[in-house]
Protein backbone atom coordinates (compact mmCIF):
# COMPACT_ATOMS: atom_id res chain seq x y z
CA MET A 1 -2.92 19.60 -10.52
CA LYS A 2 -6.02 20.60 -8.56
CA ASN A 3 -8.06 17.78 -10.09
CA PHE A 4 -5.36 15.30 -9.14
CA LEU A 5 -5.12 16.49 -5.53
CA SER A 6 -8.88 16.36 -5.05
CA LYS A 7 -8.73 12.60 -5.70
CA THR A 8 -6.12 11.93 -3.00
CA PHE A 9 -7.02 10.97 0.56
CA LEU A 10 -5.32 14.03 2.07
CA PHE A 11 -7.35 16.64 0.22
CA ASP A 12 -10.66 14.80 0.00
CA GLY A 13 -13.60 17.11 0.71
CA LEU A 14 -11.68 20.39 0.30
CA SER A 15 -13.28 23.12 -1.78
CA ASP A 16 -11.72 24.36 -5.01
CA ALA A 17 -10.96 27.67 -3.30
CA LEU A 18 -9.00 25.97 -0.52
CA LEU A 19 -7.08 23.83 -2.99
CA ASP A 20 -6.21 26.93 -5.00
CA ASP A 21 -4.96 28.57 -1.80
CA LEU A 22 -2.85 25.55 -0.90
CA LEU A 23 -1.24 25.33 -4.32
CA GLN A 24 -0.46 29.02 -4.36
CA ASN A 25 0.94 29.32 -0.84
CA GLN A 26 2.31 25.82 -0.20
CA PRO A 27 3.29 24.47 -3.64
CA PRO A 28 4.53 20.85 -3.85
CA TYR A 29 7.71 19.46 -5.36
CA ILE A 30 7.42 17.32 -8.50
CA LEU A 31 10.23 14.87 -9.29
CA GLU A 32 10.62 12.30 -12.08
CA PHE A 33 12.17 8.85 -11.70
CA ARG A 34 13.20 6.15 -14.15
CA ARG A 35 12.53 2.45 -13.80
CA GLY A 36 14.67 0.97 -11.02
CA ASP A 37 15.44 4.31 -9.34
CA LEU A 38 15.28 4.55 -5.56
CA ILE A 39 12.56 7.10 -4.84
CA TYR A 40 12.42 7.20 -1.07
CA PRO A 41 14.32 7.78 1.10
CA THR A 42 17.14 9.59 -0.71
CA ASN A 43 19.03 12.84 -0.24
CA ASN A 44 17.23 14.26 -3.29
CA THR A 45 13.68 13.65 -2.08
CA PRO A 46 12.15 15.76 0.68
CA GLU A 47 11.00 14.23 3.95
CA GLY A 48 7.24 14.27 3.73
CA VAL A 49 4.35 12.74 1.83
CA GLY A 50 4.60 11.62 -1.78
CA PHE A 51 1.75 11.06 -4.24
CA VAL A 52 2.14 9.05 -7.43
CA LEU A 53 1.16 11.35 -10.31
CA ASN A 54 1.74 8.63 -12.88
CA GLY A 55 3.63 5.37 -13.24
CA ARG A 56 4.04 2.64 -10.64
CA CYS A 57 6.24 2.11 -7.57
CA GLU A 58 7.08 -0.77 -5.26
CA ILE A 59 7.51 -0.68 -1.49
CA ARG A 60 10.29 -3.14 -0.68
CA ARG A 61 11.82 -4.51 2.49
CA THR A 62 15.35 -5.90 2.62
CA LYS A 63 15.60 -9.28 4.34
CA SER A 64 18.47 -10.41 6.56
CA ASP A 65 19.92 -12.47 3.68
CA GLY A 66 20.04 -9.41 1.43
CA GLY A 67 17.00 -10.35 -0.65
CA ARG A 68 14.09 -7.98 -1.12
CA VAL A 69 10.39 -8.55 -0.56
CA VAL A 70 7.76 -6.43 -2.32
CA LEU A 71 5.29 -5.32 0.35
CA ASN A 72 3.01 -3.21 -1.79
CA ILE A 73 2.54 -1.72 -5.25
CA LEU A 74 1.61 1.94 -5.61
CA GLY A 75 -0.19 3.43 -8.60
CA GLU A 76 -1.71 6.77 -9.54
CA ASN A 77 -3.11 8.72 -6.54
CA ASP A 78 -1.49 6.35 -4.02
CA SER A 79 0.73 7.86 -1.35
CA PHE A 80 3.69 7.09 0.90
CA GLY A 81 5.63 8.71 3.73
CA VAL A 82 2.68 9.64 5.95
CA LEU A 83 3.94 7.72 8.98
CA SER A 84 7.33 9.45 8.79
CA ILE A 85 5.63 12.79 9.50
CA PHE A 86 4.75 11.73 13.03
CA SER A 87 7.61 9.41 13.93
CA GLU A 88 11.29 9.95 14.58
CA GLU A 89 12.08 6.32 13.75
CA LYS A 90 13.34 5.26 10.35
CA PHE A 91 11.20 2.65 8.63
CA PRO A 92 12.88 -0.48 7.20
CA THR A 93 11.39 -0.07 3.73
CA GLN A 94 12.38 1.60 0.49
CA ILE A 95 10.37 2.73 -2.50
CA PHE A 96 11.56 2.02 -6.03
CA ALA A 97 10.15 2.98 -9.42
CA SER A 98 8.94 -0.21 -11.12
CA ILE A 99 8.34 1.83 -14.30
CA ASN A 100 9.08 5.45 -15.16
CA CYS A 101 7.03 7.64 -12.85
CA LYS A 102 6.42 11.16 -11.61
CA ILE A 103 5.96 11.88 -7.89
CA LEU A 104 4.43 14.93 -6.22
CA PHE A 105 5.85 15.71 -2.76
CA PHE A 106 4.62 17.85 0.11
CA SER A 107 7.39 18.39 2.67
CA LYS A 108 6.98 17.53 6.35
CA ASP A 109 6.76 21.22 7.27
CA LYS A 110 3.96 21.78 4.77
CA ILE A 111 1.98 18.76 5.99
CA ILE A 112 2.24 20.01 9.58
CA HIS A 113 1.11 23.45 8.37
CA PHE A 114 -1.93 21.83 6.72
CA VAL A 115 -2.79 19.93 9.90
CA ASN A 116 -2.56 23.10 11.99
CA ASN A 117 -4.67 25.21 9.67
CA TYR A 118 -7.17 22.96 7.88
CA SER A 119 -9.48 20.80 10.00
CA GLN A 120 -10.62 18.68 7.04
CA ILE A 121 -7.04 17.67 6.29
CA SER A 122 -6.58 16.68 9.96
CA ILE A 123 -9.71 14.51 9.74
CA ASN A 124 -8.47 12.95 6.51
CA LEU A 125 -5.15 12.09 8.13
CA ILE A 126 -6.85 10.50 11.13
CA LYS A 127 -9.00 8.39 8.79
CA PHE A 128 -5.90 7.33 6.84
CA LEU A 129 -3.94 6.38 9.95
CA THR A 130 -6.93 4.42 11.26
CA SER A 131 -7.04 2.46 8.03
CA ARG A 132 -3.32 1.71 8.38
CA VAL A 133 -3.90 0.37 11.89
CA ASN A 134 -6.62 -1.91 10.53
CA PHE A 135 -4.29 -3.02 7.74
CA LEU A 136 -1.52 -3.87 10.22
CA ASN A 137 -3.99 -5.76 12.41
CA ASN A 138 -4.92 -7.85 9.39
CA LYS A 139 -1.25 -8.55 8.71
CA ILE A 140 -0.77 -9.62 12.33
CA ALA A 141 -3.75 -11.94 11.96
CA THR A 142 -2.07 -13.50 8.93
CA PHE A 143 1.03 -14.45 10.91
CA SER A 144 -0.53 -15.23 14.29
CA SER A 145 -3.10 -17.77 13.14
CA ASP A 146 -2.32 -21.47 13.64
CA SER A 147 -4.43 -22.44 10.63
CA VAL A 148 -2.86 -22.42 7.17
CA ASP A 149 -6.34 -21.83 5.70
CA GLU A 150 -6.76 -18.69 7.82
CA LYS A 151 -3.26 -17.45 6.99
CA LEU A 152 -3.78 -17.93 3.27
CA ALA A 153 -7.27 -16.37 3.35
CA ALA A 154 -5.92 -13.31 5.20
CA PHE A 155 -3.06 -13.04 2.72
CA LEU A 156 -5.43 -13.23 -0.27
CA LEU A 157 -7.65 -10.53 1.23
CA TYR A 158 -4.56 -8.37 1.60
CA GLU A 159 -3.71 -8.97 -2.06
CA VAL A 160 -7.24 -7.94 -3.05
CA SER A 161 -6.75 -4.62 -1.25
CA ARG A 162 -3.25 -4.22 -2.71
CA PHE A 163 -4.23 -4.84 -6.32
CA LYS A 164 -7.70 -3.30 -5.89
CA CYS A 165 -9.28 -6.18 -7.79
CA CYS A 166 -10.18 -9.87 -7.40
CA GLU A 167 -7.71 -11.13 -10.00
CA PHE A 168 -3.96 -10.95 -9.46
CA PRO A 169 -0.66 -12.83 -9.98
CA PHE A 170 0.07 -15.55 -7.44
CA ASN A 171 3.33 -17.33 -6.71
CA VAL A 172 3.03 -20.33 -4.39
CA LYS A 173 6.70 -20.29 -3.31
CA LYS A 174 6.71 -16.59 -2.44
CA THR A 175 3.35 -16.85 -0.69
CA ALA A 176 4.55 -19.77 1.42
CA GLU A 177 7.58 -17.71 2.48
CA GLU A 178 5.39 -14.68 3.19
CA ILE A 179 3.01 -16.54 5.53
CA SER A 180 5.72 -18.85 6.94
CA VAL A 181 4.28 -22.23 5.90
CA GLY A 182 5.32 -24.99 3.52
CA ARG A 183 4.44 -24.97 -0.16
CA ALA A 184 2.55 -28.27 0.20
CA SER A 185 0.33 -26.65 2.84
CA VAL A 186 -0.42 -23.72 0.52
CA TYR A 187 -1.38 -26.11 -2.28
CA ARG A 188 -3.71 -28.01 0.08
CA SER A 189 -5.47 -24.80 1.13
CA ILE A 190 -5.76 -23.67 -2.49
CA SER A 191 -7.32 -27.02 -3.39
CA LEU A 192 -9.80 -26.68 -0.51
CA PHE A 193 -10.73 -23.12 -1.49
CA GLU A 194 -11.21 -24.20 -5.11
CA SER A 195 -13.43 -27.13 -4.14
CA ASN A 196 -15.60 -24.72 -2.14
CA LYS A 197 -15.70 -22.36 -5.14
CA ILE A 198 -14.07 -19.53 -3.17
CA ILE A 199 -11.16 -19.07 -5.58
CA LYS A 200 -9.86 -20.29 -8.89
CA PHE A 201 -6.13 -20.83 -9.41
CA ASN A 202 -5.02 -20.93 -13.02
CA ASN A 203 -1.85 -20.07 -14.93
CA LYS A 204 -0.12 -18.41 -11.95
CA LYS A 205 -3.14 -16.22 -11.24
CA ILE A 206 -5.72 -16.20 -8.47
CA PHE A 207 -9.34 -15.34 -9.19
CA ILE A 208 -11.46 -14.57 -6.12
CA LEU A 209 -14.93 -15.99 -6.74
CA ASP A 210 -16.42 -15.55 -3.25
CA LEU A 211 -14.97 -12.62 -1.32
CA GLU A 212 -17.35 -13.07 1.61
CA GLY A 213 -16.44 -16.75 1.82
CA LEU A 214 -12.79 -15.78 2.05
CA GLU A 215 -13.58 -13.30 4.81
CA ARG A 216 -15.50 -15.96 6.78
CA ILE A 217 -12.42 -18.18 6.87
CA THR A 218 -10.45 -15.47 8.70
CA LYS A 219 -13.08 -14.98 11.43
């Protein structure tokens, strides 16, 4: 447990002694979920921060037509629920188990206790929230740009951060819906990126060949 927590953003930089103290005095909840289960929010899961011990989860948003969009995929050491600690508003997303998984939870009261008593945890939270602001700014850039090339480049950079690699599944129809452009426009931008050797699109997968080139398109 201690080794796992030391790899999460919240407890980064804490000594073994401090982690031992936290686990002894503020122990977490551990819950198991099967594929397809709603993980958060439910009446059975505590309000607070969850960490994926093992397995994989999906953050989904329900659209006005009842369909669902996958916003992010969470794997081992990834977290959710941080923003709910500091906001009274309910967020329009849900988290589902995409495969069987085990989640470690720290309740809202425990997180607030950590913030009040451990300066390093407070710093870690500030760093995390700053990164979320940067992430949301990038998402805004994706939708506010008039250029399809810029929108697609921003979206692909987001997918790189989401999958944590430069190779990932890619669906033209879903991408076009996500960035609010036509499929023909997405294909044209893909063709341009391929001709400039920035990406390779093959068998429903994208391979990022020039990450810096992709970043230049968005600037």
